C-alpha atoms as a PDB file:
ATOM      1  CA  MET A   1       0.086  -0.098  -0.189  1.00  0.00           C
ATOM      2  CA  LYS A   2       2.824   2.362   1.271  1.00  0.00           C
ATOM      3  CA  LYS A   3       4.262   1.671  -2.783  1.00  0.00           C
ATOM      4  CA  LEU A   4       0.934   2.773  -4.093  1.00  0.00           C
ATOM      5  CA  THR A   5       0.613   5.731  -2.615  1.00  0.00           C
ATOM      6  CA  ARG A   6       3.995   6.959  -3.222  1.00  0.00           C
ATOM      7  CA  LYS A   7       3.585   6.015  -7.335  1.00  0.00           C
ATOM      8  CA  LEU A   8       0.703   8.091  -6.850  1.00  0.00           C
ATOM      9  CA  CYS A   9       1.866  11.494  -5.076  1.00  0.00           C
ATOM     10  CA  ALA A  10       4.853  10.782  -7.449  1.00  0.00           C
ATOM     11  CA  VAL A  11       2.631  10.717 -10.547  1.00  0.00           C
ATOM     12  CA  VAL A  12       0.141  14.257  -9.296  1.00  0.00           C
ATOM     13  CA  MET A  13       3.079  15.902  -8.433  1.00  0.00           C
ATOM     14  CA  LEU A  14       3.994  15.318 -12.196  1.00  0.00           C
ATOM     15  CA  GLY A  15       0.908  16.538 -13.355  1.00  0.00           C
ATOM     16  CA  ILE A  16       0.567  19.569 -11.685  1.00  0.00           C
ATOM     17  CA  VAL A  17       4.639  20.095 -12.896  1.00  0.00           C
ATOM     18  CA  SER A  18       3.608  19.509 -15.731  1.00  0.00           C
ATOM     19  CA  ALA A  19      -0.347  21.791 -15.932  1.00  0.00           C
ATOM     20  CA  GLY A  20       2.313  24.399 -14.512  1.00  0.00           C
ATOM     21  CA  ALA A  21       4.948  24.507 -17.792  1.00  0.00           C
ATOM     22  CA  PHE A  22       1.764  24.687 -20.195  1.00  0.00           C
ATOM     23  CA  ALA A  23       0.135  27.299 -18.501  1.00  0.00           C
ATOM     24  CA  GLN A  24       3.133  29.458 -19.074  1.00  0.00           C
ATOM     25  CA  LYS A  25       3.975  29.070 -22.362  1.00  0.00           C
ATOM     26  CA  ARG A  26       0.822  30.321 -23.477  1.00  0.00           C
ATOM     27  CA  ASP A  27       1.973  33.696 -24.242  1.00  0.00           C
ATOM     28  CA  ASP A  28      -0.834  36.399 -24.608  1.00  0.00           C
ATOM     29  CA  ASP A  29       0.355  39.643 -23.365  1.00  0.00           C
ATOM     30  CA  LYS A  30      -2.207  42.357 -24.555  1.00  0.00           C
ATOM     31  CA  ARG A  31      -0.866  45.290 -22.561  1.00  0.00           C
ATOM     32  CA  PRO A  32       0.765  48.170 -24.439  1.00  0.00           C
ATOM     33  CA  PRO A  33       4.376  48.616 -25.981  1.00  0.00           C
ATOM     34  CA  LYS A  34       6.193  50.044 -22.985  1.00  0.00           C
ATOM     35  CA  GLU A  35       7.891  53.153 -24.658  1.00  0.00           C
ATOM     36  CA  PRO A  36      11.968  53.757 -24.697  1.00  0.00           C
ATOM     37  CA  SER A  37      13.169  54.996 -21.295  1.00  0.00           C
ATOM     38  CA  LYS A  38      14.486  58.607 -21.829  1.00  0.00           C
ATOM     39  CA  VAL A  39      18.032  59.539 -20.655  1.00  0.00           C
ATOM     40  CA  VAL A  40      17.542  63.015 -19.131  1.00  0.00           C
ATOM     41  CA  THR A  41      21.599  64.541 -19.456  1.00  0.00           C
ATOM     42  CA  PRO A  42      22.425  68.545 -18.766  1.00  0.00           C
ATOM     43  CA  ASP A  43      24.875  69.760 -20.181  1.00  0.00           C
ATOM     44  CA  LYS A  44      28.716  70.041 -20.357  1.00  0.00           C
ATOM     45  CA  LYS A  45      28.893  74.344 -20.655  1.00  0.00           C
ATOM     46  CA  ASP A  46      25.871  74.670 -18.565  1.00  0.00           C
ATOM     47  CA  LYS A  47      27.750  73.432 -15.355  1.00  0.00           C
ATOM     48  CA  PRO A  48      28.679  75.159 -12.996  1.00  0.00           C
ATOM     49  CA  GLN A  49      32.282  76.852 -11.887  1.00  0.00           C
ATOM     50  CA  GLN A  50      33.796  74.647  -9.750  1.00  0.00           C
ATOM     51  CA  ASN A  51      35.230  76.798  -6.347  1.00  0.00           C
ATOM     52  CA  PRO A  52      38.770  75.750  -6.827  1.00  0.00           C
ATOM     53  CA  PRO A  53      40.528  74.659  -2.993  1.00  0.00           C
ATOM     54  CA  LYS A  54      40.430  76.514   0.050  1.00  0.00           C
ATOM     55  CA  PRO A  55      44.356  76.697   1.154  1.00  0.00           C
ATOM     56  CA  LYS A  56      44.925  75.024   4.439  1.00  0.00           C
ATOM     57  CA  ASP A  57      45.734  77.630   7.350  1.00  0.00           C
ATOM     58  CA  ASN A  58      48.444  76.892   8.081  1.00  0.00           C
ATOM     59  CA  ASP A  59      49.422  79.471  10.937  1.00  0.00           C
ATOM     60  CA  LYS A  60      47.699  77.078  13.747  1.00  0.00           C
ATOM     61  CA  ARG A  61      50.277  73.887  12.564  1.00  0.00           C
ATOM     62  CA  GLY A  62      53.167  73.845  15.875  1.00  0.00           C
ATOM     63  CA  LYS A  63      51.389  76.543  18.452  1.00  0.00           C
ATOM     64  CA  PRO A  64      51.202  74.583  21.267  1.00  0.00           C
END
């Protein structure tokens, strides 16, 4: 009896897996086509100028 239930369970599992695989093959995608994404990059001419690096304050170095 135990062998019969194992075989029956295996057959049922294989049937469920194959039914799921066939259900996924159906490609009825009725969504509208997706627009391509647009990447907006600023022009290099419009970039604000970067501030020059500030000189370090060397007066404090060495003072206790």
